[in-house]
Full PDB file with SEQRES, HELIX, SHEET, SSBOND, CRYST1, ORIGX, SCALE, CONECT and MASTER records, all heavy atoms in Angstrom:
SEQRES   1 A   31  GLY ILE GLY PHE ALA GLY ILE LYS GLY PHE SER GLY GLY          
SEQRES   2 A   31  PHE GLY GLU ARG VAL LEU GLU PRO TRP GLY GLU SER VAL          
SEQRES   3 A   31  ILE LYS ARG PHE VAL                                          
HELIX    1 AA1 GLY A   15  ARG A   17  5                                   3    
HELIX    2 AA2 SER A   25  PHE A   30  1                                   6    
CRYST1    1.000    1.000    1.000  90.00  90.00  90.00 P 1           1          
ORIGX1      1.000000  0.000000  0.000000        0.00000                         
ORIGX2      0.000000  1.000000  0.000000        0.00000                         
ORIGX3      0.000000  0.000000  1.000000        0.00000                         
SCALE1      1.000000  0.000000  0.000000        0.00000                         
SCALE2      0.000000  1.000000  0.000000        0.00000                         
SCALE3      0.000000  0.000000  1.000000        0.00000                         
ATOM      1  N   GLY A   1       0.255 -31.671 -12.740  1.00  0.00           N  
ATOM      2  CA  GLY A   1      -1.107 -32.102 -12.422  1.00  0.00           C  
ATOM      3  C   GLY A   1      -1.737 -31.416 -11.244  1.00  0.00           C  
ATOM      4  O   GLY A   1      -2.824 -31.787 -10.801  1.00  0.00           O  
ATOM      5  N   ILE A   2      -1.071 -30.376 -10.713  1.00  0.00           N  
ATOM      6  CA  ILE A   2      -1.641 -29.612  -9.624  1.00  0.00           C  
ATOM      7  C   ILE A   2      -1.927 -28.200 -10.132  1.00  0.00           C  
ATOM      8  O   ILE A   2      -1.092 -27.551 -10.761  1.00  0.00           O  
ATOM      9  CB  ILE A   2      -0.675 -29.535  -8.404  1.00  0.00           C  
ATOM     10  CG1 ILE A   2      -0.428 -30.938  -7.877  1.00  0.00           C  
ATOM     11  CG2 ILE A   2      -1.229 -28.640  -7.316  1.00  0.00           C  
ATOM     12  CD1 ILE A   2       0.569 -30.993  -6.761  1.00  0.00           C  
ATOM     13  N   GLY A   3      -3.131 -27.712  -9.857  1.00  0.00           N  
ATOM     14  CA  GLY A   3      -3.556 -26.400 -10.334  1.00  0.00           C  
ATOM     15  C   GLY A   3      -3.303 -25.316  -9.302  1.00  0.00           C  
ATOM     16  O   GLY A   3      -3.515 -25.529  -8.099  1.00  0.00           O  
ATOM     17  N   PHE A   4      -2.849 -24.172  -9.763  1.00  0.00           N  
ATOM     18  CA  PHE A   4      -2.593 -23.024  -8.912  1.00  0.00           C  
ATOM     19  C   PHE A   4      -3.377 -21.816  -9.472  1.00  0.00           C  
ATOM     20  O   PHE A   4      -3.378 -21.574 -10.682  1.00  0.00           O  
ATOM     21  CB  PHE A   4      -1.104 -22.659  -8.889  1.00  0.00           C  
ATOM     22  CG  PHE A   4      -0.242 -23.709  -8.259  1.00  0.00           C  
ATOM     23  CD1 PHE A   4       0.181 -24.825  -8.991  1.00  0.00           C  
ATOM     24  CD2 PHE A   4       0.189 -23.594  -6.952  1.00  0.00           C  
ATOM     25  CE1 PHE A   4       0.987 -25.793  -8.426  1.00  0.00           C  
ATOM     26  CE2 PHE A   4       0.994 -24.542  -6.372  1.00  0.00           C  
ATOM     27  CZ  PHE A   4       1.400 -25.655  -7.104  1.00  0.00           C  
ATOM     28  N   ALA A   5      -4.000 -21.078  -8.587  1.00  0.00           N  
ATOM     29  CA  ALA A   5      -4.685 -19.858  -8.975  1.00  0.00           C  
ATOM     30  C   ALA A   5      -4.369 -18.813  -7.928  1.00  0.00           C  
ATOM     31  O   ALA A   5      -4.222 -19.125  -6.729  1.00  0.00           O  
ATOM     32  CB  ALA A   5      -6.186 -20.052  -9.101  1.00  0.00           C  
ATOM     33  N   GLY A   6      -4.216 -17.548  -8.340  1.00  0.00           N  
ATOM     34  CA  GLY A   6      -3.813 -16.543  -7.380  1.00  0.00           C  
ATOM     35  C   GLY A   6      -4.378 -15.162  -7.614  1.00  0.00           C  
ATOM     36  O   GLY A   6      -4.739 -14.805  -8.742  1.00  0.00           O  
ATOM     37  N   ILE A   7      -4.462 -14.407  -6.522  1.00  0.00           N  
ATOM     38  CA  ILE A   7      -4.842 -12.995  -6.570  1.00  0.00           C  
ATOM     39  C   ILE A   7      -3.960 -12.261  -5.564  1.00  0.00           C  
ATOM     40  O   ILE A   7      -3.284 -12.876  -4.752  1.00  0.00           O  
ATOM     41  CB  ILE A   7      -6.318 -12.781  -6.173  1.00  0.00           C  
ATOM     42  CG1 ILE A   7      -6.635 -13.429  -4.815  1.00  0.00           C  
ATOM     43  CG2 ILE A   7      -7.242 -13.343  -7.252  1.00  0.00           C  
ATOM     44  CD1 ILE A   7      -8.002 -13.108  -4.277  1.00  0.00           C  
ATOM     45  N   LYS A   8      -4.012 -10.944  -5.593  1.00  0.00           N  
ATOM     46  CA  LYS A   8      -3.253 -10.162  -4.617  1.00  0.00           C  
ATOM     47  C   LYS A   8      -3.862 -10.315  -3.240  1.00  0.00           C  
ATOM     48  O   LYS A   8      -5.039 -10.664  -3.087  1.00  0.00           O  
ATOM     49  CB  LYS A   8      -3.243  -8.678  -5.020  1.00  0.00           C  
ATOM     50  CG  LYS A   8      -4.585  -7.999  -4.872  1.00  0.00           C  
ATOM     51  CD  LYS A   8      -4.535  -6.566  -5.336  1.00  0.00           C  
ATOM     52  CE  LYS A   8      -5.887  -5.872  -5.188  1.00  0.00           C  
ATOM     53  NZ  LYS A   8      -5.909  -4.524  -5.759  1.00  0.00           N  
ATOM     54  N   GLY A   9      -3.088 -10.049  -2.215  1.00  0.00           N  
ATOM     55  CA  GLY A   9      -3.618 -10.024  -0.849  1.00  0.00           C  
ATOM     56  C   GLY A   9      -4.522  -8.825  -0.651  1.00  0.00           C  
ATOM     57  O   GLY A   9      -4.205  -7.719  -1.137  1.00  0.00           O  
ATOM     58  N   PHE A  10      -5.615  -8.998   0.027  1.00  0.00           N  
ATOM     59  CA  PHE A  10      -6.538  -7.900   0.282  1.00  0.00           C  
ATOM     60  C   PHE A  10      -7.269  -8.175   1.598  1.00  0.00           C  
ATOM     61  O   PHE A  10      -6.966  -9.174   2.293  1.00  0.00           O  
ATOM     62  CB  PHE A  10      -7.531  -7.711  -0.880  1.00  0.00           C  
ATOM     63  CG  PHE A  10      -8.068  -6.314  -1.002  1.00  0.00           C  
ATOM     64  CD1 PHE A  10      -7.197  -5.255  -1.306  1.00  0.00           C  
ATOM     65  CD2 PHE A  10      -9.384  -6.023  -0.768  1.00  0.00           C  
ATOM     66  CE1 PHE A  10      -7.697  -3.942  -1.418  1.00  0.00           C  
ATOM     67  CE2 PHE A  10      -9.874  -4.734  -0.885  1.00  0.00           C  
ATOM     68  CZ  PHE A  10      -9.018  -3.696  -1.199  1.00  0.00           C  
ATOM     69  N   SER A  11      -8.196  -7.333   1.988  1.00  0.00           N  
ATOM     70  CA  SER A  11      -8.912  -7.514   3.258  1.00  0.00           C  
ATOM     71  C   SER A  11     -10.384  -7.236   3.042  1.00  0.00           C  
ATOM     72  O   SER A  11     -10.840  -7.045   1.924  1.00  0.00           O  
ATOM     73  CB  SER A  11      -8.313  -6.590   4.302  1.00  0.00           C  
ATOM     74  OG  SER A  11      -8.343  -5.263   3.894  1.00  0.00           O  
ATOM     75  N   GLY A  12     -11.122  -7.169   4.121  1.00  0.00           N  
ATOM     76  CA  GLY A  12     -12.553  -6.918   4.052  1.00  0.00           C  
ATOM     77  C   GLY A  12     -13.378  -7.696   5.041  1.00  0.00           C  
ATOM     78  O   GLY A  12     -14.581  -7.500   5.169  1.00  0.00           O  
ATOM     79  N   GLY A  13     -12.718  -8.575   5.810  1.00  0.00           N  
ATOM     80  CA  GLY A  13     -13.443  -9.386   6.787  1.00  0.00           C  
ATOM     81  C   GLY A  13     -14.095 -10.592   6.135  1.00  0.00           C  
ATOM     82  O   GLY A  13     -14.055 -10.782   4.917  1.00  0.00           O  
ATOM     83  N   PHE A  14     -14.695 -11.467   6.952  1.00  0.00           N  
ATOM     84  CA  PHE A  14     -15.349 -12.656   6.435  1.00  0.00           C  
ATOM     85  C   PHE A  14     -16.403 -13.137   7.433  1.00  0.00           C  
ATOM     86  O   PHE A  14     -16.403 -12.701   8.590  1.00  0.00           O  
ATOM     87  CB  PHE A  14     -14.339 -13.778   6.142  1.00  0.00           C  
ATOM     88  CG  PHE A  14     -13.474 -14.158   7.307  1.00  0.00           C  
ATOM     89  CD1 PHE A  14     -13.850 -15.172   8.180  1.00  0.00           C  
ATOM     90  CD2 PHE A  14     -12.292 -13.489   7.545  1.00  0.00           C  
ATOM     91  CE1 PHE A  14     -13.055 -15.533   9.232  1.00  0.00           C  
ATOM     92  CE2 PHE A  14     -11.488 -13.832   8.619  1.00  0.00           C  
ATOM     93  CZ  PHE A  14     -11.864 -14.873   9.465  1.00  0.00           C  
ATOM     94  N   GLY A  15     -17.294 -13.982   6.938  1.00  0.00           N  
ATOM     95  CA  GLY A  15     -18.370 -14.473   7.797  1.00  0.00           C  
ATOM     96  C   GLY A  15     -19.244 -13.354   8.270  1.00  0.00           C  
ATOM     97  O   GLY A  15     -19.588 -12.426   7.547  1.00  0.00           O  
ATOM     98  N   GLU A  16     -19.620 -13.404   9.553  1.00  0.00           N  
ATOM     99  CA  GLU A  16     -20.496 -12.384  10.122  1.00  0.00           C  
ATOM    100  C   GLU A  16     -19.795 -11.039  10.284  1.00  0.00           C  
ATOM    101  O   GLU A  16     -20.432 -10.011  10.510  1.00  0.00           O  
ATOM    102  CB  GLU A  16     -21.013 -12.852  11.495  1.00  0.00           C  
ATOM    103  CG  GLU A  16     -21.934 -14.053  11.429  1.00  0.00           C  
ATOM    104  CD  GLU A  16     -22.436 -14.460  12.803  1.00  0.00           C  
ATOM    105  OE1 GLU A  16     -21.982 -13.824  13.783  1.00  0.00           O  
ATOM    106  OE2 GLU A  16     -23.266 -15.370  12.868  1.00  0.00           O  
ATOM    107  N   ARG A  17     -18.468 -11.042  10.162  1.00  0.00           N  
ATOM    108  CA  ARG A  17     -17.694  -9.825  10.349  1.00  0.00           C  
ATOM    109  C   ARG A  17     -17.253  -9.183   9.018  1.00  0.00           C  
ATOM    110  O   ARG A  17     -16.403  -8.326   8.994  1.00  0.00           O  
ATOM    111  CB  ARG A  17     -16.465 -10.108  11.201  1.00  0.00           C  
ATOM    112  CG  ARG A  17     -16.772 -10.621  12.599  1.00  0.00           C  
ATOM    113  CD  ARG A  17     -17.482  -9.576  13.448  1.00  0.00           C  
ATOM    114  NE  ARG A  17     -17.726 -10.012  14.780  1.00  0.00           N  
ATOM    115  CZ  ARG A  17     -18.878 -10.575  15.194  1.00  0.00           C  
ATOM    116  NH1 ARG A  17     -19.860 -10.711  14.340  1.00  0.00           N  
ATOM    117  NH2 ARG A  17     -19.036 -10.991  16.432  1.00  0.00           N  
ATOM    118  N   VAL A  18     -17.832  -9.638   7.923  1.00  0.00           N  
ATOM    119  CA  VAL A  18     -17.447  -9.076   6.630  1.00  0.00           C  
ATOM    120  C   VAL A  18     -17.904  -7.632   6.530  1.00  0.00           C  
ATOM    121  O   VAL A  18     -18.980  -7.268   7.004  1.00  0.00           O  
ATOM    122  CB  VAL A  18     -18.039  -9.918   5.469  1.00  0.00           C  
ATOM    123  CG1 VAL A  18     -19.562  -9.794   5.393  1.00  0.00           C  
ATOM    124  CG2 VAL A  18     -17.415  -9.559   4.137  1.00  0.00           C  
ATOM    125  N   LEU A  19     -17.069  -6.796   5.944  1.00  0.00           N  
ATOM    126  CA  LEU A  19     -17.424  -5.395   5.760  1.00  0.00           C  
ATOM    127  C   LEU A  19     -18.507  -5.252   4.710  1.00  0.00           C  
ATOM    128  O   LEU A  19     -18.399  -5.801   3.616  1.00  0.00           O  
ATOM    129  CB  LEU A  19     -16.182  -4.599   5.333  1.00  0.00           C  
ATOM    130  CG  LEU A  19     -16.332  -3.096   5.147  1.00  0.00           C  
ATOM    131  CD1 LEU A  19     -16.713  -2.428   6.490  1.00  0.00           C  
ATOM    132  CD2 LEU A  19     -15.061  -2.486   4.596  1.00  0.00           C  
ATOM    133  N   GLU A  20     -19.562  -4.542   5.018  1.00  0.00           N  
ATOM    134  CA  GLU A  20     -20.698  -4.372   4.126  1.00  0.00           C  
ATOM    135  C   GLU A  20     -20.594  -3.073   3.327  1.00  0.00           C  
ATOM    136  O   GLU A  20     -20.041  -2.074   3.818  1.00  0.00           O  
ATOM    137  CB  GLU A  20     -22.008  -4.363   4.911  1.00  0.00           C  
ATOM    138  CG  GLU A  20     -22.294  -5.637   5.680  1.00  0.00           C  
ATOM    139  CD  GLU A  20     -22.642  -6.803   4.784  1.00  0.00           C  
ATOM    140  OE1 GLU A  20     -22.961  -6.545   3.606  1.00  0.00           O  
ATOM    141  OE2 GLU A  20     -22.625  -7.940   5.272  1.00  0.00           O  
ATOM    142  N   PRO A  21     -21.114  -3.043   2.072  1.00  0.00           N  
ATOM    143  CA  PRO A  21     -21.078  -1.830   1.249  1.00  0.00           C  
ATOM    144  C   PRO A  21     -22.154  -0.848   1.687  1.00  0.00           C  
ATOM    145  O   PRO A  21     -23.140  -0.641   0.987  1.00  0.00           O  
ATOM    146  CB  PRO A  21     -21.303  -2.382  -0.162  1.00  0.00           C  
ATOM    147  CG  PRO A  21     -22.163  -3.589   0.045  1.00  0.00           C  
ATOM    148  CD  PRO A  21     -21.670  -4.192   1.303  1.00  0.00           C  
ATOM    149  N   TRP A  22     -21.948  -0.238   2.814  1.00  0.00           N  
ATOM    150  CA  TRP A  22     -22.986   0.617   3.414  1.00  0.00           C  
ATOM    151  C   TRP A  22     -22.323   1.925   3.860  1.00  0.00           C  
ATOM    152  O   TRP A  22     -21.237   1.930   4.461  1.00  0.00           O  
ATOM    153  CB  TRP A  22     -23.623  -0.085   4.607  1.00  0.00           C  
ATOM    154  CG  TRP A  22     -24.650   0.754   5.319  1.00  0.00           C  
ATOM    155  CD1 TRP A  22     -24.484   1.497   6.427  1.00  0.00           C  
ATOM    156  CD2 TRP A  22     -26.020   0.943   4.933  1.00  0.00           C  
ATOM    157  NE1 TRP A  22     -25.636   2.136   6.769  1.00  0.00           N  
ATOM    158  CE2 TRP A  22     -26.610   1.776   5.853  1.00  0.00           C  
ATOM    159  CE3 TRP A  22     -26.796   0.425   3.879  1.00  0.00           C  
ATOM    160  CZ2 TRP A  22     -27.934   2.182   5.797  1.00  0.00           C  
ATOM    161  CZ3 TRP A  22     -28.127   0.785   3.802  1.00  0.00           C  
ATOM    162  CH2 TRP A  22     -28.687   1.674   4.755  1.00  0.00           C  
ATOM    163  N   GLY A  23     -23.014   3.058   3.572  1.00  0.00           N  
ATOM    164  CA  GLY A  23     -22.513   4.325   4.069  1.00  0.00           C  
ATOM    165  C   GLY A  23     -21.673   5.054   3.037  1.00  0.00           C  
ATOM    166  O   GLY A  23     -22.097   5.213   1.876  1.00  0.00           O  
ATOM    167  N   GLU A  24     -20.521   5.512   3.443  1.00  0.00           N  
ATOM    168  CA  GLU A  24     -19.679   6.370   2.581  1.00  0.00           C  
ATOM    169  C   GLU A  24     -19.288   5.625   1.288  1.00  0.00           C  
ATOM    170  O   GLU A  24     -19.093   4.442   1.255  1.00  0.00           O  
ATOM    171  CB  GLU A  24     -18.426   6.808   3.336  1.00  0.00           C  
ATOM    172  CG  GLU A  24     -18.693   7.649   4.569  1.00  0.00           C  
ATOM    173  CD  GLU A  24     -18.733   6.777   5.815  1.00  0.00           C  
ATOM    174  OE1 GLU A  24     -19.196   5.596   5.707  1.00  0.00           O  
ATOM    175  OE2 GLU A  24     -18.361   7.288   6.892  1.00  0.00           O  
ATOM    176  N   SER A  25     -19.107   6.444   0.251  1.00  0.00           N  
ATOM    177  CA  SER A  25     -18.737   5.878  -1.046  1.00  0.00           C  
ATOM    178  C   SER A  25     -17.389   5.185  -1.005  1.00  0.00           C  
ATOM    179  O   SER A  25     -17.154   4.213  -1.724  1.00  0.00           O  
ATOM    180  CB  SER A  25     -18.747   6.961  -2.136  1.00  0.00           C  
ATOM    181  OG  SER A  25     -17.815   8.002  -1.787  1.00  0.00           O  
ATOM    182  N   VAL A  26     -16.469   5.684  -0.144  1.00  0.00           N  
ATOM    183  CA  VAL A  26     -15.147   5.067  -0.068  1.00  0.00           C  
ATOM    184  C   VAL A  26     -15.253   3.651   0.483  1.00  0.00           C  
ATOM    185  O   VAL A  26     -14.505   2.735   0.049  1.00  0.00           O  
ATOM    186  CB  VAL A  26     -14.192   5.933   0.785  1.00  0.00           C  
ATOM    187  CG1 VAL A  26     -14.628   6.004   2.246  1.00  0.00           C  
ATOM    188  CG2 VAL A  26     -12.754   5.398   0.695  1.00  0.00           C  
ATOM    189  N   ILE A  27     -16.184   3.413   1.402  1.00  0.00           N  
ATOM    190  CA  ILE A  27     -16.398   2.052   1.935  1.00  0.00           C  
ATOM    191  C   ILE A  27     -16.952   1.167   0.844  1.00  0.00           C  
ATOM    192  O   ILE A  27     -16.524  -0.012   0.712  1.00  0.00           O  
ATOM    193  CB  ILE A  27     -17.358   2.085   3.151  1.00  0.00           C  
ATOM    194  CG1 ILE A  27     -16.761   2.908   4.285  1.00  0.00           C  
ATOM    195  CG2 ILE A  27     -17.698   0.661   3.610  1.00  0.00           C  
ATOM    196  CD1 ILE A  27     -15.483   2.330   4.856  1.00  0.00           C  
ATOM    197  N   LYS A  28     -17.888   1.683   0.056  1.00  0.00           N  
ATOM    198  CA  LYS A  28     -18.464   0.878  -1.018  1.00  0.00           C  
ATOM    199  C   LYS A  28     -17.409   0.517  -2.070  1.00  0.00           C  
ATOM    200  O   LYS A  28     -17.413  -0.622  -2.588  1.00  0.00           O  
ATOM    201  CB  LYS A  28     -19.603   1.645  -1.666  1.00  0.00           C  
ATOM    202  CG  LYS A  28     -20.801   1.860  -0.705  1.00  0.00           C  
ATOM    203  CD  LYS A  28     -21.883   2.711  -1.349  1.00  0.00           C  
ATOM    204  CE  LYS A  28     -23.029   2.944  -0.359  1.00  0.00           C  
ATOM    205  NZ  LYS A  28     -24.078   3.816  -0.922  1.00  0.00           N  
ATOM    206  N   ARG A  29     -16.503   1.455  -2.353  1.00  0.00           N  
ATOM    207  CA  ARG A  29     -15.436   1.124  -3.325  1.00  0.00           C  
ATOM    208  C   ARG A  29     -14.497   0.058  -2.780  1.00  0.00           C  
ATOM    209  O   ARG A  29     -14.036  -0.827  -3.516  1.00  0.00           O  
ATOM    210  CB  ARG A  29     -14.679   2.413  -3.669  1.00  0.00           C  
ATOM    211  CG  ARG A  29     -15.470   3.419  -4.495  1.00  0.00           C  
ATOM    212  CD  ARG A  29     -14.566   4.436  -5.147  1.00  0.00           C  
ATOM    213  NE  ARG A  29     -13.787   5.198  -4.167  1.00  0.00           N  
ATOM    214  CZ  ARG A  29     -14.196   6.332  -3.594  1.00  0.00           C  
ATOM    215  NH1 ARG A  29     -15.399   6.835  -3.891  1.00  0.00           N  
ATOM    216  NH2 ARG A  29     -13.429   6.959  -2.730  1.00  0.00           N  
ATOM    217  N   PHE A  30     -14.215   0.152  -1.485  1.00  0.00           N  
ATOM    218  CA  PHE A  30     -13.332  -0.823  -0.836  1.00  0.00           C  
ATOM    219  C   PHE A  30     -13.946  -2.217  -0.897  1.00  0.00           C  
ATOM    220  O   PHE A  30     -13.289  -3.196  -1.285  1.00  0.00           O  
ATOM    221  CB  PHE A  30     -13.102  -0.424   0.622  1.00  0.00           C  
ATOM    222  CG  PHE A  30     -12.099  -1.265   1.325  1.00  0.00           C  
ATOM    223  CD1 PHE A  30     -10.762  -0.938   1.346  1.00  0.00           C  
ATOM    224  CD2 PHE A  30     -12.499  -2.424   2.006  1.00  0.00           C  
ATOM    225  CE1 PHE A  30      -9.821  -1.744   2.008  1.00  0.00           C  
ATOM    226  CE2 PHE A  30     -11.584  -3.214   2.676  1.00  0.00           C  
ATOM    227  CZ  PHE A  30     -10.243  -2.875   2.681  1.00  0.00           C  
ATOM    228  N   VAL A  31     -15.235  -2.329  -0.549  1.00  0.00           N  
ATOM    229  CA  VAL A  31     -15.914  -3.600  -0.595  1.00  0.00           C  
ATOM    230  C   VAL A  31     -15.990  -4.126  -2.020  1.00  0.00           C  
ATOM    231  O   VAL A  31     -15.791  -5.321  -2.257  1.00  0.00           O  
ATOM    232  CB  VAL A  31     -17.327  -3.505   0.009  1.00  0.00           C  
ATOM    233  CG1 VAL A  31     -18.116  -4.771  -0.209  1.00  0.00           C  
ATOM    234  CG2 VAL A  31     -17.236  -3.161   1.507  1.00  0.00           C  
TER     235      VAL A  31                                                      
MASTER        0    0    0    2    0    0    0    6  234    1    0    3          
END                                                                             
């Protein structure tokens, strides 16, 4: 009766410090 959902660990920041898709194409792919 308990649900579990999962994804791999990743990064990118959060809140006001989240990485934005701006500038180089490699940054946009990362975001």
